[in-house]
């Protein structure tokens, strides 16, 4: 048998295999057309043939290769069409069946808490300052620390480990800088300044059940004439009762913050307090820090502390969510576990 006859035999053999209904088309292609296939093997053995014989075998080889390729494509198309028909038959749509209800998402639980806080303070006439122009997350050392009565050599800076980008640029550790940026532009001829600044802040904490290198903060500031500690206490009581319930109470304990004087730690009652509740039976939990804005802070923002007074406070939505819903690990808020987040798919739940 000549090489040309052997090549023609390959065509008949391939046609026979491809005539089977469930043939493996790829296996046939590799067997006949692959680098180690039958046709390649024959063509490699032409070295001992004459010029005329090489020409004849080469032409036959190309013709057979093209014919087999066409047969393979035809079989492949045939099998794909059959598979589609079978799939369509198995997936016949019953138009009388009721449609499936799409799952509707909801705001993240931390966003829900922040929305509650913002809605409450809007009702009290506060501004919400979260525009990137006045509330940048990449902040200067001046606004983040120095404007908050924390000069470069102040020991209180050790309280906050910071992500520095350059010696003068950093990721903000608090939203307090927003207060200074807004305060220096406020027109007091139009009335006092009442604002909150919600947003993300960053500190070099080791992530664990109660700490995160990134968390949320809502800082509030009221500046005007004759602002007192009584105003601060009334404001804090209103937001605590909004979040935890009207029968919860707060207490203020003396504390220290560089940017307020006097400063207080604010506790909220763990349980509801009624007229019959004995003071010694009340369990308290610390929730935030606050105080009367330090005169130095007012001076640096261009105000006369003899004419204007102010109070400031800082809320932690992450901490409030943990307390309100009994979440024991702050990392749950950031893992995007839908099983966890679905528990809060309706506001107020």
Protein backbone atom coordinates (compact mmCIF):
# COMPACT_ATOMS: atom_id res chain seq x y z
CA UNK A 1 0.00 0.00 0.00
CA UNK A 2 1.37 3.39 -1.00
CA UNK A 3 1.43 6.36 1.35
CA UNK A 4 -1.26 8.08 -0.71
CA UNK A 5 -3.52 5.02 -0.39
CA UNK A 6 -2.81 4.87 3.36
CA UNK A 7 -3.84 8.54 3.72
CA UNK A 8 -7.10 7.90 1.84
CA UNK A 9 -7.75 4.99 4.20
CA UNK A 10 -7.46 7.37 7.15
CA UNK A 11 -10.32 9.41 5.69
CA UNK A 12 -12.61 6.39 5.54
CA UNK A 13 -11.58 5.35 9.05
CA UNK A 14 -12.29 8.81 10.44
CA UNK A 15 -15.64 8.95 8.66
CA UNK A 16 -16.56 5.61 10.21
CA UNK A 17 -15.73 6.78 13.72
CA UNK A 18 -17.54 10.09 13.26
CA UNK A 19 -20.67 8.28 12.13
CA UNK A 20 -21.17 6.99 15.69
CA UNK A 21 -23.78 9.14 17.55
CA UNK A 22 -21.83 9.59 20.81
CA UNK A 23 -18.30 9.66 19.41
CA UNK A 24 -15.67 11.72 21.20
CA UNK A 25 -14.99 14.31 18.49
CA UNK A 26 -11.90 15.70 20.21
CA UNK A 27 -10.37 12.22 20.48
CA UNK A 28 -10.88 11.69 16.74
CA UNK A 29 -9.25 15.04 15.97
CA UNK A 30 -6.20 14.25 18.09
CA UNK A 31 -5.89 10.72 16.63
CA UNK A 32 -5.86 11.90 13.01
CA UNK A 33 -4.87 15.59 12.98
CA UNK A 34 -2.81 16.00 16.15
CA UNK A 35 0.95 16.54 16.27
CA UNK A 36 1.38 12.84 16.90
CA UNK A 37 -1.62 11.81 14.78
CA UNK A 38 -1.76 9.36 11.93
CA UNK A 39 -1.59 11.90 9.10
CA UNK A 40 1.42 13.64 10.62
CA UNK A 41 3.14 10.27 11.00
CA UNK A 42 2.70 9.46 7.32
CA UNK A 43 3.86 12.87 6.13
CA UNK A 44 7.03 12.57 8.21
CA UNK A 45 7.94 9.37 6.36
CA UNK A 46 8.08 11.07 2.92
CA UNK A 47 11.81 11.78 3.17
CA UNK A 48 12.73 8.67 1.16
CA UNK A 49 10.30 9.38 -1.70
CA UNK A 50 11.09 10.94 -5.05
CA UNK A 51 10.13 14.53 -5.80
CA UNK A 52 7.05 13.49 -7.78
CA UNK A 53 5.94 11.06 -5.09
CA UNK A 54 6.40 13.70 -2.38
CA UNK A 55 4.25 16.07 -4.42
CA UNK A 56 1.48 13.49 -4.80
CA UNK A 57 1.52 12.39 -1.16
CA UNK A 58 1.57 15.99 0.04
CA UNK A 59 -1.48 16.88 -2.04
CA UNK A 60 -3.39 13.82 -0.86
CA UNK A 61 -2.38 14.52 2.74
CA UNK A 62 -3.72 18.10 2.57
CA UNK A 63 -6.93 16.93 0.95
CA UNK A 64 -7.48 14.23 3.59
CA UNK A 65 -6.63 16.63 6.43
CA UNK A 66 -9.14 19.19 5.13
CA UNK A 67 -11.84 16.56 4.62
CA UNK A 68 -11.43 15.13 8.12
CA UNK A 69 -11.49 18.64 9.65
CA UNK A 70 -14.74 19.38 7.84
CA UNK A 71 -16.26 16.12 9.04
CA UNK A 72 -15.21 16.91 12.60
CA UNK A 73 -16.82 20.37 12.44
CA UNK A 74 -20.02 18.90 11.05
CA UNK A 75 -20.16 16.28 13.80
CA UNK A 76 -19.42 18.86 16.47
CA UNK A 77 -22.23 21.10 15.22
CA UNK A 78 -24.55 18.11 15.11
CA UNK A 79 -23.77 17.15 18.70
CA UNK A 80 -24.16 20.75 19.94
CA UNK A 81 -27.54 21.06 18.25
CA UNK A 82 -28.67 17.77 19.79
CA UNK A 83 -27.48 18.86 23.25
CA UNK A 84 -29.36 22.15 22.90
CA UNK A 85 -32.55 20.35 21.89
CA UNK A 86 -32.27 18.04 24.88
CA UNK A 87 -31.62 20.98 27.22
CA UNK A 88 -34.59 22.92 25.88
CA UNK A 89 -36.79 19.88 26.23
CA UNK A 90 -35.72 19.39 29.85
CA UNK A 91 -36.12 23.07 30.71
CA UNK A 92 -39.52 23.70 29.24
CA UNK A 93 -40.98 26.81 30.82
CA UNK A 94 -44.42 26.55 32.38
CA UNK A 95 -45.76 30.08 31.94
CA UNK A 96 -48.60 29.32 34.36
CA UNK A 97 -46.21 28.99 37.31
CA UNK A 98 -45.95 32.01 39.64
CA UNK A 99 -42.83 34.12 39.19
CA UNK A 100 -39.98 33.97 41.70
CA UNK A 101 -39.75 36.94 44.03
CA UNK A 102 -36.37 38.67 43.73
CA UNK A 103 -34.39 39.03 46.94
CA UNK A 104 -34.17 42.67 47.92
CA UNK A 105 -31.06 43.78 49.75
CA UNK A 106 -30.86 46.26 52.58
CA UNK A 107 -28.46 48.77 54.06
CA UNK A 108 -25.54 47.35 56.05
CA UNK A 109 -26.26 47.24 59.78
CA UNK A 110 -23.62 49.93 60.45
CA UNK A 111 -25.19 52.16 57.83
CA UNK A 112 -28.56 51.61 59.49
CA UNK A 113 -27.15 52.81 62.83
CA UNK A 114 -25.53 55.82 61.17
CA UNK A 115 -28.77 56.65 59.37
CA UNK A 116 -30.62 56.55 62.70
CA UNK A 117 -28.08 58.90 64.25
CA UNK A 118 -28.17 61.29 61.30
CA UNK A 119 -31.98 61.33 61.20
CA UNK A 120 -32.12 62.14 64.90
CA UNK A 121 -29.70 65.05 64.65
CA UNK A 122 -31.35 66.39 61.51
CA UNK A 123 -34.50 66.59 63.59
CA UNK A 124 -32.57 68.68 66.12
CA UNK A 125 -31.49 71.11 63.41
CA UNK A 126 -27.94 69.86 62.91
CA UNK A 127 -25.98 69.86 59.65
CA UNK A 128 -24.59 66.55 58.34
CA UNK A 129 -21.04 67.18 57.10
CA UNK A 130 -19.77 64.26 55.03
CA UNK A 131 -18.69 65.94 51.80
CA UNK A 132 -15.10 64.93 50.86
CA UNK A 133 -14.15 68.60 50.60
CA UNK A 134 -14.79 69.19 54.29
CA UNK A 135 -14.39 65.58 55.42
CA UNK A 136 -11.27 64.09 53.79
CA UNK A 137 -10.07 60.72 55.08
CA UNK A 138 -6.49 61.63 54.14
CA UNK A 139 -5.80 64.51 56.50
CA UNK A 140 -3.01 66.85 57.54
CA UNK A 141 -1.26 66.64 60.89
CA UNK A 142 -2.35 70.23 61.55
CA UNK A 143 -6.08 69.53 61.35
CA UNK A 144 -5.97 66.02 62.82
CA UNK A 145 -3.83 66.88 65.85
CA UNK A 146 -2.63 70.46 66.24
CA UNK A 147 -6.06 72.05 65.75
CA UNK A 148 -7.37 69.64 68.39
CA UNK A 149 -4.95 71.02 71.02
CA UNK A 150 -2.41 68.24 70.37
CA UNK A 151 0.93 69.85 69.38
CA UNK A 152 3.68 67.59 68.08
CA UNK A 153 5.29 67.12 71.52
CA UNK A 154 2.02 66.55 73.41
CA UNK A 155 2.07 63.23 75.35
CA UNK A 156 -1.60 62.61 74.57
CA UNK A 157 -0.62 61.75 71.00
CA UNK A 158 0.53 58.40 72.35
CA UNK A 159 -3.14 57.52 72.79
CA UNK A 160 -3.54 57.20 69.02
CA UNK A 161 -1.26 55.08 66.88
CA UNK A 162 -1.52 56.58 63.44
CA UNK A 163 -1.06 55.59 59.78
CA UNK A 164 1.31 58.25 58.49
CA UNK A 165 1.77 58.74 54.73
CA UNK A 166 4.36 61.51 55.19
CA UNK A 167 5.40 63.33 58.39
CA UNK A 168 2.59 65.85 57.72
CA UNK A 169 -0.03 63.68 55.93
CA UNK A 170 -1.92 60.82 57.57
CA UNK A 171 -5.13 58.79 57.61
CA UNK A 172 -7.38 60.61 60.04
CA UNK A 173 -7.73 59.05 63.47
CA UNK A 174 -10.97 60.88 64.22
CA UNK A 175 -13.53 63.03 62.42
CA UNK A 176 -12.67 66.01 64.65
CA UNK A 177 -10.76 67.73 61.81
CA UNK A 178 -14.09 68.19 60.03
CA UNK A 179 -15.23 70.39 62.90
CA UNK A 180 -12.27 72.76 62.47
CA UNK A 181 -12.70 72.92 58.70
CA UNK A 182 -16.37 73.84 59.02
CA UNK A 183 -15.92 76.09 62.05
CA UNK A 184 -13.39 78.37 60.37
CA UNK A 185 -15.89 79.04 57.54
CA UNK A 186 -19.09 79.37 59.57
CA UNK A 187 -20.88 82.72 59.59
CA UNK A 188 -22.03 83.23 63.19
CA UNK A 189 -24.08 86.26 62.18
CA UNK A 190 -26.55 83.67 60.87
CA UNK A 191 -26.71 81.72 64.10
CA UNK A 192 -24.80 79.05 66.06
CA UNK A 193 -23.08 76.08 64.43
CA UNK A 194 -24.71 72.70 65.03
CA UNK A 195 -23.14 69.82 63.11
CA UNK A 196 -22.21 66.15 63.12
CA UNK A 197 -19.43 64.60 61.05
CA UNK A 198 -19.93 60.89 60.24
CA UNK A 199 -17.24 58.88 58.49
CA UNK A 200 -14.49 56.26 58.57
CA UNK A 201 -11.37 56.71 60.70
CA UNK A 202 -8.13 54.72 60.93
CA UNK A 203 -5.84 53.70 63.79
CA UNK A 204 -3.05 51.19 64.04
CA UNK A 205 -4.97 48.81 66.27
CA UNK A 206 -4.49 45.06 66.15
CA UNK A 207 -7.77 43.61 64.90
CA UNK A 208 -9.56 41.54 67.52
CA UNK A 209 -13.09 41.10 68.87
CA UNK A 210 -13.34 44.73 70.05
CA UNK A 211 -10.76 46.60 67.94
CA UNK A 212 -10.34 47.32 64.24
CA UNK A 213 -7.80 49.32 62.25
CA UNK A 214 -10.76 50.94 60.47
CA UNK A 215 -14.04 51.89 62.09
CA UNK A 216 -16.75 54.54 61.99
CA UNK A 217 -17.19 57.65 64.04
CA UNK A 218 -19.81 60.38 64.33
CA UNK A 219 -18.50 63.50 66.01
CA UNK A 220 -20.80 66.32 67.00
CA UNK A 221 -20.16 69.99 67.70
CA UNK A 222 -22.34 72.87 68.83
CA UNK A 223 -20.81 76.35 68.99
CA UNK A 224 -22.60 79.52 70.03
CA UNK A 225 -23.15 81.91 72.87
CA UNK A 226 -24.08 80.57 76.31
CA UNK A 227 -23.70 76.89 75.35
CA UNK A 228 -23.48 74.88 78.59
CA UNK A 229 -22.83 71.39 79.92
CA UNK A 230 -26.58 71.08 80.50
CA UNK A 231 -27.10 71.45 76.73
CA UNK A 232 -24.58 68.67 76.17
CA UNK A 233 -26.22 66.32 78.66
CA UNK A 234 -29.67 66.89 77.20
CA UNK A 235 -28.38 66.23 73.69
CA UNK A 236 -26.63 63.01 74.69
CA UNK A 237 -29.65 61.75 76.61
CA UNK A 238 -31.85 62.30 73.56
CA UNK A 239 -29.61 60.31 71.19
CA UNK A 240 -29.09 57.47 73.71
CA UNK A 241 -32.83 57.12 74.20
CA UNK A 242 -33.33 57.24 70.44
CA UNK A 243 -30.95 54.32 69.96
CA UNK A 244 -31.59 52.21 73.05
CA UNK A 245 -35.05 53.20 74.24
CA UNK A 246 -36.73 56.00 76.17
CA UNK A 247 -36.38 54.26 79.54
CA UNK A 248 -32.59 54.14 79.42
CA UNK A 249 -30.63 56.75 81.33
CA UNK A 250 -27.11 58.16 81.11
CA UNK A 251 -24.52 59.32 83.59
CA UNK A 252 -21.47 61.55 83.12
CA UNK A 253 -18.11 60.80 84.75
CA UNK A 254 -15.13 63.19 84.82
CA UNK A 255 -12.43 62.29 82.30
CA UNK A 256 -9.67 63.83 80.19
CA UNK A 257 -9.44 64.68 76.50
CA UNK A 258 -6.98 67.25 75.14
CA UNK A 259 -9.64 69.00 73.05
CA UNK A 260 -12.34 69.41 75.75
CA UNK A 261 -12.34 70.97 79.21
CA UNK A 262 -14.13 69.81 81.26
CA UNK A 263 -14.28 66.31 79.74
CA UNK A 264 -16.63 63.44 80.53
CA UNK A 265 -17.09 59.76 79.82
CA UNK A 266 -20.72 58.93 79.12
CA UNK A 267 -22.32 55.71 80.35
CA UNK A 268 -25.74 54.36 79.39
CA UNK A 269 -27.82 52.09 81.60
CA UNK A 270 -27.68 48.45 80.55
CA UNK A 271 -31.35 47.93 81.47
CA UNK A 272 -34.37 50.18 81.50
CA UNK A 273 -34.62 52.52 84.46
CA UNK A 274 -37.99 53.15 86.13
CA UNK A 275 -38.95 55.36 89.07
CA UNK A 276 -38.75 52.23 91.25
CA UNK A 277 -35.21 51.31 90.19
CA UNK A 278 -32.67 51.70 92.97
CA UNK A 279 -29.49 53.58 91.94
CA UNK A 280 -27.30 50.76 93.22
CA UNK A 281 -29.14 48.28 90.95
CA UNK A 282 -28.38 50.17 87.73
CA UNK A 283 -25.69 48.60 85.57
CA UNK A 284 -23.75 51.08 83.43
CA UNK A 285 -21.68 50.65 80.30
CA UNK A 286 -19.35 53.25 78.81
CA UNK A 287 -20.38 54.35 75.32
CA UNK A 288 -18.71 57.64 74.35
CA UNK A 289 -16.61 60.65 75.31
CA UNK A 290 -17.66 64.29 75.33
CA UNK A 291 -17.05 67.65 76.93
CA UNK A 292 -16.98 71.41 76.58
CA UNK A 293 -14.67 72.40 73.72
CA UNK A 294 -11.28 73.56 75.00
CA UNK A 295 -10.69 77.35 74.71
CA UNK A 296 -7.44 76.68 72.82
CA UNK A 297 -9.39 74.83 70.11
CA UNK A 298 -11.78 77.76 69.72
CA UNK A 299 -8.86 80.21 69.51
CA UNK A 300 -7.12 78.16 66.80
CA UNK A 301 -10.36 78.22 64.80
CA UNK A 302 -10.59 82.00 65.06
CA UNK A 303 -13.15 82.36 67.87
CA UNK A 304 -12.99 84.26 71.12
CA UNK A 305 -13.63 81.77 73.98
CA UNK A 306 -14.80 84.64 76.15
CA UNK A 307 -17.68 85.21 73.71
CA UNK A 308 -18.36 81.71 72.39
CA UNK A 309 -18.62 78.35 74.13
CA UNK A 310 -19.12 74.93 72.62
CA UNK A 311 -19.59 71.26 73.36
CA UNK A 312 -18.36 68.26 71.40
CA UNK A 313 -18.94 64.51 71.51
CA UNK A 314 -17.84 61.42 69.62
CA UNK A 315 -20.10 58.43 68.90
CA UNK A 316 -18.96 55.02 67.67
CA UNK A 317 -21.62 53.44 65.40
CA UNK A 318 -19.73 50.12 65.41
CA UNK A 319 -19.80 49.99 69.21
CA UNK A 320 -23.44 51.06 69.34
CA UNK A 321 -24.38 48.30 66.90
CA UNK A 322 -22.53 45.74 69.03
CA UNK A 323 -24.37 46.88 72.15
CA UNK A 324 -27.79 47.22 70.52
CA UNK A 325 -27.74 43.83 68.80
CA UNK A 326 -25.52 41.82 71.16
CA UNK A 327 -22.73 41.33 68.61
CA UNK A 328 -19.63 40.01 70.39
CA UNK A 329 -17.04 40.42 67.62
CA UNK A 330 -16.63 43.69 65.69
CA UNK A 331 -14.99 41.81 62.81
CA UNK A 332 -18.37 40.32 61.91
CA UNK A 333 -19.36 43.71 60.47
CA UNK A 334 -16.53 43.60 57.92
CA UNK A 335 -16.42 39.93 56.82
CA UNK A 336 -19.38 40.27 54.40
CA UNK A 337 -20.91 37.05 55.69
CA UNK A 338 -24.45 37.23 54.28
CA UNK A 339 -25.71 34.80 56.94
CA UNK A 340 -24.73 37.35 59.59
CA UNK A 341 -25.86 40.47 57.70
CA UNK A 342 -29.26 38.98 56.78
CA UNK A 343 -30.23 39.19 60.45
CA UNK A 344 -30.44 42.96 60.02
CA UNK A 345 -32.24 43.08 56.68
CA UNK A 346 -34.99 45.28 58.05
CA UNK A 347 -34.35 48.56 59.79
CA UNK A 348 -34.92 48.40 63.49
CA UNK A 349 -34.53 44.58 63.71
